[in-house]
Every structure is written in structure tokens, then in C-alpha cells.
N, C-alpha and C. Protein backbone atom coordinates (compact mmCIF):
# COMPACT_ATOMS: atom_id res chain seq x y z
N MET A 1 0.85 -1.19 0.00
CA MET A 1 0.00 0.00 0.00
C MET A 1 0.89 1.24 0.00
N SER A 2 0.55 2.16 -0.83
CA SER A 2 1.32 3.39 -1.00
C SER A 2 0.95 4.43 0.06
N ARG A 3 1.95 5.18 0.48
CA ARG A 3 1.69 6.28 1.41
C ARG A 3 0.95 7.39 0.68
N LYS A 4 0.27 8.24 1.45
CA LYS A 4 -0.49 9.35 0.88
C LYS A 4 0.27 10.66 1.04
N VAL A 5 0.12 11.52 0.03
CA VAL A 5 0.56 12.90 0.16
C VAL A 5 -0.68 13.71 0.51
N VAL A 6 -0.61 14.40 1.64
CA VAL A 6 -1.76 15.17 2.11
C VAL A 6 -1.40 16.64 2.23
N LEU A 7 -2.30 17.46 1.75
CA LEU A 7 -2.18 18.91 1.92
C LEU A 7 -3.02 19.26 3.13
N PHE A 8 -2.42 19.90 4.13
CA PHE A 8 -3.12 20.35 5.33
C PHE A 8 -2.78 21.82 5.47
N ILE A 9 -3.76 22.69 5.25
CA ILE A 9 -3.46 24.12 5.15
C ILE A 9 -4.69 24.94 5.53
N ALA A 10 -4.45 26.17 5.95
CA ALA A 10 -5.54 27.11 6.23
C ALA A 10 -5.57 28.15 5.13
N THR A 11 -6.76 28.64 4.86
CA THR A 11 -6.94 29.65 3.83
C THR A 11 -8.03 30.63 4.25
N SER A 12 -7.95 31.83 3.71
CA SER A 12 -9.02 32.79 3.92
C SER A 12 -10.24 32.30 3.13
N LEU A 13 -11.39 32.83 3.43
CA LEU A 13 -12.60 32.42 2.73
C LEU A 13 -12.50 32.69 1.23
N ASP A 14 -11.74 33.72 0.86
CA ASP A 14 -11.59 34.02 -0.57
C ASP A 14 -10.36 33.34 -1.18
N GLY A 15 -9.78 32.36 -0.49
CA GLY A 15 -8.81 31.48 -1.11
C GLY A 15 -7.35 31.86 -1.03
N TYR A 16 -6.96 32.70 -0.07
CA TYR A 16 -5.55 33.09 0.05
C TYR A 16 -4.91 32.42 1.26
N ILE A 17 -3.66 31.97 1.08
CA ILE A 17 -2.94 31.32 2.19
C ILE A 17 -2.04 32.29 2.94
N ALA A 18 -1.85 33.48 2.39
CA ALA A 18 -1.06 34.53 3.03
C ALA A 18 -1.34 35.84 2.30
N THR A 19 -0.99 36.93 2.95
CA THR A 19 -1.11 38.23 2.29
C THR A 19 0.04 38.37 1.29
N ASN A 20 0.03 39.42 0.49
CA ASN A 20 1.10 39.62 -0.48
C ASN A 20 2.47 39.75 0.16
N ASP A 21 2.51 40.24 1.40
CA ASP A 21 3.81 40.35 2.10
C ASP A 21 4.08 39.12 2.98
N GLU A 22 3.39 38.01 2.66
CA GLU A 22 3.58 36.70 3.30
C GLU A 22 3.18 36.66 4.77
N SER A 23 2.30 37.56 5.18
CA SER A 23 1.85 37.58 6.56
C SER A 23 0.69 36.59 6.78
N LEU A 24 0.71 35.97 7.96
CA LEU A 24 -0.40 35.10 8.39
C LEU A 24 -1.08 35.68 9.63
N ASP A 25 -0.82 36.94 9.93
CA ASP A 25 -1.40 37.55 11.13
C ASP A 25 -2.91 37.39 11.17
N TRP A 26 -3.56 37.54 10.04
CA TRP A 26 -5.02 37.40 9.95
C TRP A 26 -5.51 36.06 10.49
N LEU A 27 -4.70 35.03 10.32
CA LEU A 27 -5.08 33.68 10.73
C LEU A 27 -5.16 33.56 12.25
N PHE A 28 -4.27 34.26 12.93
CA PHE A 28 -4.20 34.15 14.39
C PHE A 28 -5.17 35.08 15.10
N GLN A 29 -5.91 35.87 14.32
CA GLN A 29 -6.92 36.76 14.89
C GLN A 29 -8.30 36.11 14.90
N VAL A 30 -8.40 34.89 14.38
CA VAL A 30 -9.66 34.16 14.35
C VAL A 30 -9.74 33.26 15.57
N GLU A 31 -10.90 33.24 16.20
CA GLU A 31 -11.08 32.42 17.39
C GLU A 31 -11.32 30.97 17.00
N GLY A 32 -10.34 30.13 17.32
CA GLY A 32 -10.44 28.71 17.00
C GLY A 32 -10.82 27.92 18.23
N GLU A 33 -10.46 26.64 18.20
CA GLU A 33 -10.77 25.73 19.29
C GLU A 33 -9.56 24.83 19.50
N GLY A 34 -8.88 24.99 20.63
CA GLY A 34 -7.65 24.23 20.86
C GLY A 34 -6.65 24.59 19.78
N ASP A 35 -6.05 23.57 19.16
CA ASP A 35 -5.10 23.84 18.06
C ASP A 35 -5.76 23.57 16.70
N ASN A 36 -7.08 23.56 16.68
CA ASN A 36 -7.86 23.41 15.45
C ASN A 36 -7.54 22.12 14.69
N GLY A 37 -7.26 21.06 15.43
CA GLY A 37 -7.03 19.75 14.82
C GLY A 37 -5.60 19.48 14.38
N TYR A 38 -4.70 20.45 14.61
CA TYR A 38 -3.32 20.31 14.15
C TYR A 38 -2.61 19.12 14.78
N SER A 39 -2.66 18.97 16.10
CA SER A 39 -1.93 17.88 16.79
C SER A 39 -2.39 16.52 16.32
N LYS A 40 -3.69 16.35 16.18
CA LYS A 40 -4.23 15.07 15.73
C LYS A 40 -3.72 14.76 14.31
N PHE A 41 -3.74 15.77 13.43
CA PHE A 41 -3.23 15.58 12.08
C PHE A 41 -1.74 15.28 12.11
N TYR A 42 -0.98 16.04 12.89
CA TYR A 42 0.48 15.93 12.94
C TYR A 42 0.93 14.51 13.31
N GLU A 43 0.15 13.82 14.13
CA GLU A 43 0.48 12.44 14.51
C GLU A 43 0.37 11.47 13.34
N THR A 44 -0.35 11.85 12.29
CA THR A 44 -0.58 10.94 11.15
C THR A 44 0.52 11.03 10.10
N VAL A 45 1.47 11.96 10.26
CA VAL A 45 2.52 12.16 9.26
C VAL A 45 3.90 11.89 9.86
N ASP A 46 4.83 11.44 9.00
CA ASP A 46 6.21 11.29 9.45
C ASP A 46 7.19 11.95 8.49
N THR A 47 6.65 12.56 7.42
CA THR A 47 7.48 13.20 6.42
C THR A 47 6.87 14.55 6.06
N ILE A 48 7.73 15.56 5.94
CA ILE A 48 7.31 16.93 5.65
C ILE A 48 7.91 17.37 4.32
N LEU A 49 7.09 17.97 3.46
CA LEU A 49 7.57 18.55 2.20
C LEU A 49 7.18 20.02 2.16
N MET A 50 8.12 20.87 1.77
CA MET A 50 7.80 22.30 1.65
C MET A 50 8.73 22.94 0.64
N GLY A 51 8.31 24.11 0.17
CA GLY A 51 9.14 24.89 -0.74
C GLY A 51 10.13 25.73 0.05
N ARG A 52 11.10 26.26 -0.66
CA ARG A 52 12.17 27.03 -0.03
C ARG A 52 11.67 28.31 0.66
N ARG A 53 10.78 29.05 -0.02
CA ARG A 53 10.27 30.29 0.59
C ARG A 53 9.48 29.98 1.86
N THR A 54 8.73 28.88 1.85
CA THR A 54 7.98 28.48 3.05
C THR A 54 8.94 28.12 4.17
N PHE A 55 9.99 27.36 3.85
CA PHE A 55 10.99 27.00 4.85
C PHE A 55 11.61 28.24 5.46
N ASP A 56 12.03 29.19 4.61
CA ASP A 56 12.64 30.43 5.11
C ASP A 56 11.66 31.19 6.00
N TRP A 57 10.40 31.25 5.59
CA TRP A 57 9.37 31.96 6.38
C TRP A 57 9.20 31.27 7.74
N VAL A 58 9.06 29.94 7.72
CA VAL A 58 8.87 29.19 8.97
C VAL A 58 10.05 29.43 9.90
N MET A 59 11.28 29.32 9.38
CA MET A 59 12.46 29.49 10.23
C MET A 59 12.54 30.91 10.80
N ASN A 60 12.11 31.89 10.05
CA ASN A 60 12.08 33.27 10.52
C ASN A 60 11.04 33.44 11.64
N GLN A 61 9.89 32.80 11.48
CA GLN A 61 8.81 32.92 12.46
C GLN A 61 9.15 32.26 13.80
N VAL A 62 9.91 31.18 13.74
CA VAL A 62 10.20 30.42 14.96
C VAL A 62 11.61 30.67 15.47
N ASN A 63 12.21 31.78 15.01
CA ASN A 63 13.55 32.16 15.44
C ASN A 63 14.56 31.03 15.34
N GLY A 64 14.50 30.28 14.22
CA GLY A 64 15.47 29.23 13.98
C GLY A 64 15.19 27.91 14.66
N GLN A 65 14.15 27.84 15.48
CA GLN A 65 13.80 26.59 16.18
C GLN A 65 12.89 25.77 15.27
N PHE A 66 13.43 24.78 14.58
CA PHE A 66 12.68 24.01 13.58
C PHE A 66 11.46 23.34 14.22
N PRO A 67 10.24 23.60 13.71
CA PRO A 67 9.03 23.10 14.37
C PRO A 67 8.67 21.64 14.04
N TYR A 68 9.39 21.01 13.12
CA TYR A 68 9.03 19.66 12.70
C TYR A 68 10.10 18.64 13.06
N GLU A 69 10.80 18.86 14.17
CA GLU A 69 11.83 17.93 14.59
C GLU A 69 11.23 16.55 14.80
N GLY A 70 12.00 15.52 14.44
CA GLY A 70 11.52 14.16 14.58
C GLY A 70 10.79 13.66 13.33
N LYS A 71 10.57 14.53 12.38
CA LYS A 71 9.94 14.16 11.11
C LYS A 71 11.00 14.30 10.02
N GLU A 72 10.98 13.40 9.05
CA GLU A 72 11.88 13.52 7.92
C GLU A 72 11.38 14.69 7.07
N SER A 73 12.23 15.68 6.86
CA SER A 73 11.79 16.92 6.21
C SER A 73 12.62 17.23 4.97
N PHE A 74 11.90 17.57 3.90
CA PHE A 74 12.52 17.90 2.62
C PHE A 74 12.07 19.27 2.17
N VAL A 75 13.01 20.06 1.68
CA VAL A 75 12.72 21.40 1.17
C VAL A 75 13.12 21.43 -0.30
N PHE A 76 12.14 21.70 -1.16
CA PHE A 76 12.42 21.80 -2.59
C PHE A 76 12.99 23.18 -2.86
N SER A 77 14.19 23.20 -3.46
CA SER A 77 14.89 24.45 -3.67
C SER A 77 15.77 24.36 -4.91
N ARG A 78 15.67 25.36 -5.76
CA ARG A 78 16.57 25.40 -6.91
C ARG A 78 17.91 26.00 -6.51
N LYS A 79 17.94 26.75 -5.39
CA LYS A 79 19.14 27.49 -4.99
C LYS A 79 20.11 26.71 -4.12
N GLN A 80 19.59 26.00 -3.14
CA GLN A 80 20.50 25.46 -2.13
C GLN A 80 20.43 23.95 -2.04
N PRO A 81 21.36 23.26 -2.66
CA PRO A 81 21.42 21.82 -2.45
C PRO A 81 22.05 21.53 -1.09
N GLY A 82 22.09 20.29 -0.72
CA GLY A 82 22.72 19.91 0.54
C GLY A 82 21.71 19.78 1.66
N ASN A 83 22.18 19.80 2.88
CA ASN A 83 21.32 19.57 4.03
C ASN A 83 21.65 20.58 5.12
N ASN A 84 20.75 20.71 6.06
CA ASN A 84 21.10 21.33 7.32
C ASN A 84 20.71 20.30 8.38
N GLN A 85 20.79 20.62 9.62
CA GLN A 85 20.55 19.59 10.63
C GLN A 85 19.10 19.10 10.66
N HIS A 86 18.16 19.86 10.09
CA HIS A 86 16.74 19.49 10.17
C HIS A 86 16.14 19.04 8.86
N VAL A 87 16.67 19.52 7.74
CA VAL A 87 16.05 19.24 6.45
C VAL A 87 17.07 18.79 5.42
N THR A 88 16.54 18.11 4.41
CA THR A 88 17.32 17.78 3.22
C THR A 88 16.79 18.66 2.10
N PHE A 89 17.67 19.41 1.46
CA PHE A 89 17.26 20.25 0.33
C PHE A 89 17.24 19.37 -0.92
N VAL A 90 16.19 19.52 -1.71
CA VAL A 90 15.97 18.69 -2.88
C VAL A 90 15.87 19.59 -4.11
N ALA A 91 16.65 19.27 -5.14
CA ALA A 91 16.59 20.04 -6.38
C ALA A 91 16.08 19.18 -7.53
N GLU A 92 15.77 17.92 -7.26
CA GLU A 92 15.36 17.01 -8.33
C GLU A 92 13.88 17.14 -8.66
N ASP A 93 13.47 16.54 -9.75
CA ASP A 93 12.09 16.54 -10.23
C ASP A 93 11.16 15.99 -9.14
N ILE A 94 10.04 16.68 -8.89
CA ILE A 94 9.15 16.27 -7.79
C ILE A 94 8.46 14.93 -8.04
N VAL A 95 8.22 14.56 -9.30
CA VAL A 95 7.47 13.33 -9.57
C VAL A 95 8.24 12.08 -9.16
N PRO A 96 9.44 11.83 -9.69
CA PRO A 96 10.14 10.61 -9.25
C PRO A 96 10.51 10.66 -7.76
N PHE A 97 10.87 11.85 -7.27
CA PHE A 97 11.22 11.98 -5.85
C PHE A 97 10.04 11.59 -4.96
N THR A 98 8.87 12.14 -5.26
CA THR A 98 7.68 11.87 -4.44
C THR A 98 7.21 10.44 -4.59
N ASN A 99 7.26 9.91 -5.79
CA ASN A 99 6.85 8.50 -5.99
C ASN A 99 7.76 7.55 -5.22
N LYS A 100 9.05 7.89 -5.14
CA LYS A 100 9.99 7.09 -4.34
C LYS A 100 9.58 7.14 -2.86
N LEU A 101 9.27 8.33 -2.37
CA LEU A 101 8.83 8.48 -0.98
C LEU A 101 7.55 7.70 -0.71
N LYS A 102 6.59 7.82 -1.62
CA LYS A 102 5.30 7.15 -1.44
C LYS A 102 5.45 5.63 -1.41
N ALA A 103 6.48 5.09 -2.07
CA ALA A 103 6.69 3.65 -2.13
C ALA A 103 7.34 3.11 -0.85
N GLN A 104 7.92 4.01 -0.05
CA GLN A 104 8.57 3.58 1.19
C GLN A 104 7.52 3.36 2.29
N PRO A 105 7.81 2.47 3.24
CA PRO A 105 6.86 2.30 4.35
C PRO A 105 6.86 3.55 5.22
N GLY A 106 5.73 3.82 5.83
CA GLY A 106 5.64 4.96 6.74
C GLY A 106 4.25 5.52 6.80
N LYS A 107 4.15 6.63 7.51
CA LYS A 107 2.88 7.33 7.66
C LYS A 107 2.67 8.25 6.46
N SER A 108 1.68 9.10 6.55
CA SER A 108 1.39 10.05 5.47
C SER A 108 2.49 11.08 5.33
N ILE A 109 2.51 11.73 4.16
CA ILE A 109 3.51 12.74 3.81
C ILE A 109 2.77 14.07 3.74
N TRP A 110 3.20 15.05 4.54
CA TRP A 110 2.52 16.34 4.61
C TRP A 110 3.14 17.33 3.64
N LEU A 111 2.33 17.78 2.70
CA LEU A 111 2.72 18.86 1.81
C LEU A 111 2.32 20.16 2.51
N VAL A 112 3.31 20.83 3.11
CA VAL A 112 3.06 22.02 3.92
C VAL A 112 2.74 23.23 3.04
N GLY A 113 3.49 23.44 2.00
CA GLY A 113 3.33 24.61 1.13
C GLY A 113 4.67 24.96 0.57
N GLY A 114 4.78 26.06 -0.09
CA GLY A 114 3.81 27.09 -0.34
C GLY A 114 3.08 26.93 -1.66
N GLY A 115 2.55 28.05 -2.09
CA GLY A 115 1.67 28.09 -3.24
C GLY A 115 2.25 27.48 -4.50
N ASP A 116 3.50 27.78 -4.81
CA ASP A 116 4.11 27.24 -6.04
C ASP A 116 4.26 25.72 -5.97
N LEU A 117 4.69 25.23 -4.81
CA LEU A 117 4.88 23.79 -4.66
C LEU A 117 3.54 23.06 -4.68
N ILE A 118 2.54 23.61 -4.01
CA ILE A 118 1.21 23.01 -4.02
C ILE A 118 0.71 22.91 -5.46
N HIS A 119 0.88 24.00 -6.21
CA HIS A 119 0.45 24.02 -7.60
C HIS A 119 1.14 22.92 -8.40
N SER A 120 2.44 22.78 -8.23
CA SER A 120 3.19 21.74 -8.95
C SER A 120 2.71 20.35 -8.58
N PHE A 121 2.48 20.11 -7.31
CA PHE A 121 2.03 18.79 -6.85
C PHE A 121 0.63 18.47 -7.39
N LEU A 122 -0.26 19.45 -7.39
CA LEU A 122 -1.60 19.22 -7.93
C LEU A 122 -1.54 18.96 -9.43
N LYS A 123 -0.76 19.77 -10.13
CA LYS A 123 -0.62 19.65 -11.58
C LYS A 123 -0.11 18.25 -11.96
N GLU A 124 0.78 17.71 -11.15
CA GLU A 124 1.38 16.40 -11.44
C GLU A 124 0.57 15.23 -10.87
N GLY A 125 -0.56 15.53 -10.22
CA GLY A 125 -1.40 14.46 -9.67
C GLY A 125 -0.79 13.75 -8.48
N LEU A 126 0.02 14.45 -7.69
CA LEU A 126 0.72 13.84 -6.57
C LEU A 126 -0.01 13.96 -5.23
N VAL A 127 -1.07 14.76 -5.17
CA VAL A 127 -1.79 14.97 -3.91
C VAL A 127 -2.93 13.94 -3.82
N ASP A 128 -3.01 13.26 -2.67
CA ASP A 128 -4.04 12.24 -2.46
C ASP A 128 -5.22 12.75 -1.63
N GLU A 129 -4.93 13.65 -0.68
CA GLU A 129 -5.98 14.20 0.19
C GLU A 129 -5.69 15.66 0.45
N LEU A 130 -6.78 16.41 0.66
CA LEU A 130 -6.66 17.83 1.00
C LEU A 130 -7.48 18.10 2.26
N THR A 131 -6.86 18.68 3.27
CA THR A 131 -7.58 19.15 4.44
C THR A 131 -7.37 20.66 4.46
N ILE A 132 -8.44 21.37 4.17
CA ILE A 132 -8.38 22.82 4.04
C ILE A 132 -9.24 23.43 5.15
N THR A 133 -8.62 24.24 5.97
CA THR A 133 -9.33 24.92 7.04
C THR A 133 -9.63 26.34 6.60
N LEU A 134 -10.92 26.66 6.54
CA LEU A 134 -11.36 27.99 6.12
C LEU A 134 -11.46 28.92 7.31
N ALA A 135 -10.84 30.09 7.18
CA ALA A 135 -10.94 31.13 8.20
C ALA A 135 -11.97 32.16 7.72
N PRO A 136 -12.80 32.67 8.62
CA PRO A 136 -13.81 33.64 8.24
C PRO A 136 -13.20 35.04 8.04
N VAL A 137 -12.35 35.13 7.04
CA VAL A 137 -11.64 36.37 6.73
C VAL A 137 -11.61 36.52 5.21
N LEU A 138 -11.84 37.73 4.73
CA LEU A 138 -11.68 38.04 3.31
C LEU A 138 -10.45 38.93 3.19
N LEU A 139 -9.45 38.47 2.45
CA LEU A 139 -8.22 39.25 2.30
C LEU A 139 -8.24 40.13 1.05
N GLY A 140 -8.96 39.70 0.02
CA GLY A 140 -9.05 40.50 -1.19
C GLY A 140 -7.88 40.34 -2.14
N ALA A 141 -6.73 39.97 -1.62
CA ALA A 141 -5.52 39.77 -2.43
C ALA A 141 -4.53 39.00 -1.57
N GLY A 142 -3.53 38.43 -2.23
CA GLY A 142 -2.51 37.70 -1.49
C GLY A 142 -1.98 36.55 -2.30
N ILE A 143 -1.44 35.56 -1.59
CA ILE A 143 -0.90 34.36 -2.23
C ILE A 143 -2.04 33.34 -2.29
N PRO A 144 -2.49 32.99 -3.50
CA PRO A 144 -3.65 32.10 -3.60
C PRO A 144 -3.30 30.65 -3.27
N LEU A 145 -4.26 29.96 -2.69
CA LEU A 145 -4.07 28.53 -2.45
C LEU A 145 -3.98 27.79 -3.78
N PHE A 146 -4.86 28.11 -4.70
CA PHE A 146 -4.87 27.47 -6.01
C PHE A 146 -4.57 28.50 -7.08
N LYS A 147 -3.56 28.25 -7.87
CA LYS A 147 -3.21 29.14 -8.97
C LYS A 147 -4.14 28.88 -10.14
N GLU A 148 -4.29 29.90 -10.98
CA GLU A 148 -5.08 29.72 -12.18
C GLU A 148 -4.34 28.80 -13.13
N TYR A 149 -5.00 27.73 -13.51
CA TYR A 149 -4.38 26.74 -14.38
C TYR A 149 -5.49 25.82 -14.86
N GLU A 150 -5.40 25.36 -16.07
CA GLU A 150 -6.41 24.45 -16.61
C GLU A 150 -6.24 23.08 -15.97
N LEU A 151 -6.81 22.94 -14.81
CA LEU A 151 -6.69 21.70 -14.06
C LEU A 151 -8.05 21.38 -13.47
N GLU A 152 -8.67 20.36 -13.98
CA GLU A 152 -9.93 19.94 -13.40
C GLU A 152 -9.64 18.72 -12.54
N GLN A 153 -9.94 18.84 -11.26
CA GLN A 153 -9.65 17.76 -10.31
C GLN A 153 -10.92 17.43 -9.55
N LYS A 154 -11.35 16.19 -9.62
CA LYS A 154 -12.54 15.74 -8.90
C LYS A 154 -12.13 15.36 -7.48
N LEU A 155 -12.91 15.81 -6.54
CA LEU A 155 -12.66 15.53 -5.13
C LEU A 155 -13.91 14.90 -4.52
N GLU A 156 -13.69 14.13 -3.46
CA GLU A 156 -14.81 13.57 -2.71
C GLU A 156 -14.71 14.08 -1.28
N LEU A 157 -15.78 14.72 -0.80
CA LEU A 157 -15.80 15.25 0.56
C LEU A 157 -15.89 14.08 1.54
N LYS A 158 -14.89 14.02 2.42
CA LYS A 158 -14.84 12.94 3.40
C LYS A 158 -15.39 13.39 4.76
N ARG A 159 -15.09 14.66 5.13
CA ARG A 159 -15.49 15.11 6.47
C ARG A 159 -15.52 16.63 6.53
N ILE A 160 -16.43 17.14 7.34
CA ILE A 160 -16.48 18.56 7.68
C ILE A 160 -16.41 18.64 9.20
N LYS A 161 -15.52 19.48 9.70
CA LYS A 161 -15.39 19.64 11.15
C LYS A 161 -15.29 21.12 11.47
N ARG A 162 -15.94 21.50 12.56
CA ARG A 162 -15.91 22.90 12.97
C ARG A 162 -15.03 23.06 14.20
N PHE A 163 -14.18 24.08 14.16
CA PHE A 163 -13.35 24.47 15.30
C PHE A 163 -13.69 25.92 15.60
N ASN A 164 -14.76 26.14 16.34
CA ASN A 164 -15.29 27.47 16.64
C ASN A 164 -15.53 28.22 15.34
N GLN A 165 -14.71 29.22 14.99
CA GLN A 165 -14.93 30.02 13.79
C GLN A 165 -14.29 29.43 12.54
N PHE A 166 -13.47 28.39 12.70
CA PHE A 166 -12.84 27.72 11.55
C PHE A 166 -13.70 26.54 11.09
N VAL A 167 -13.67 26.25 9.81
CA VAL A 167 -14.32 25.07 9.26
C VAL A 167 -13.27 24.27 8.49
N GLU A 168 -13.12 23.01 8.88
CA GLU A 168 -12.16 22.13 8.21
C GLU A 168 -12.89 21.23 7.22
N LEU A 169 -12.41 21.26 5.98
CA LEU A 169 -12.98 20.43 4.92
C LEU A 169 -11.92 19.40 4.53
N HIS A 170 -12.29 18.13 4.58
CA HIS A 170 -11.35 17.06 4.26
C HIS A 170 -11.82 16.36 2.99
N TYR A 171 -10.99 16.39 1.96
CA TYR A 171 -11.32 15.81 0.66
C TYR A 171 -10.33 14.71 0.29
N ILE A 172 -10.82 13.75 -0.47
CA ILE A 172 -9.99 12.72 -1.08
C ILE A 172 -9.99 13.03 -2.58
N VAL A 173 -8.81 12.95 -3.20
CA VAL A 173 -8.71 13.17 -4.64
C VAL A 173 -9.19 11.91 -5.34
N LYS A 174 -10.14 12.10 -6.25
CA LYS A 174 -10.65 10.96 -7.02
C LYS A 174 -9.78 10.76 -8.24
N ARG A 175 -9.37 9.55 -8.46
CA ARG A 175 -8.50 9.22 -9.61
C ARG A 175 -9.30 8.59 -10.72
């Protein structure tokens, strides 16, 4: 049985994952419930995938304290090959790399972001499930969760969960 690549992300009601200046302040101004399902989800994954800009943003936000310790973490980057103590930088094609990961035993693989990497993964048919948490905020502009692209993808709604003002939608990608 193949491992799943899962997108677990929050978005504004109008579909943005961050403001144009990469701020998520709007997200933390919404009244949630506990950690809005994050801990439960986090237990289901053992591998983290993210883009370089997302990695840099995360490291800046947490003052260098890597938040995904104990998980195998990969950062897709055209600029920086090699490794640091927490992540392996990957410059190779996402399709063979991800298919190799999916063939290995383990838990689910979390596609953290950002927008460009999510777009590439969706375009290549590499995402198996999407858990999207909607925040009751309209940003009007920013970094979109889904880029404009001729991509028709059928999804099946698996679950809806409410965390106070947040709504979590869990979809399975239909093949």
C-alpha cells in the first residue's frame, strides 16, 4: 500500500494562504478551538515537504527553532542543495522523488506549502488528500491557495469539522 501525500493548510474564505507580504497575522486573529485539529493531524505524518520560501518563512517565524523535529523533512529548492541539521534540500524533479517516498513504508507525507509547490504537486497528480481549514476572513488579495491553471480535479468530501470560527474540509482526490 502506497503512502499518501496530504495537503493540510488554512486559507481565507476568498482562497488566500497569506497576504502579499507573506503575513499570516489574519489567521491568528480568528477564534479557534484548541489547536484546530493540528496535533491530531500531525500524529498521522512522518514526512514533511515544503518549498524554499515556506521553509525560510517558517524558520524566521520560529527564530530558527525548527518546528518539525523528529519528522523527515525535505525542502524543494533550486538554490540550495545539501542539508542542514533538520532538512534535506531537494533540487530534483518532484514526480520521481515523491513517488519514491510514497513507495517507502511509513505514515502520510505532509505537503506544507507554499503556493508554487502546491500548484506543482496538484498539476502532477501527486496529492491524495486535502484538508483545508477555512478562516472567516476576506483578504481580497494575497498568495492564492490554487493558482489559475487548466486543471480539473474531482474531489470527494470525506469530512467537515468545525473548530469554533474555523471550518475544516477534508477531501480525497478521485482518480
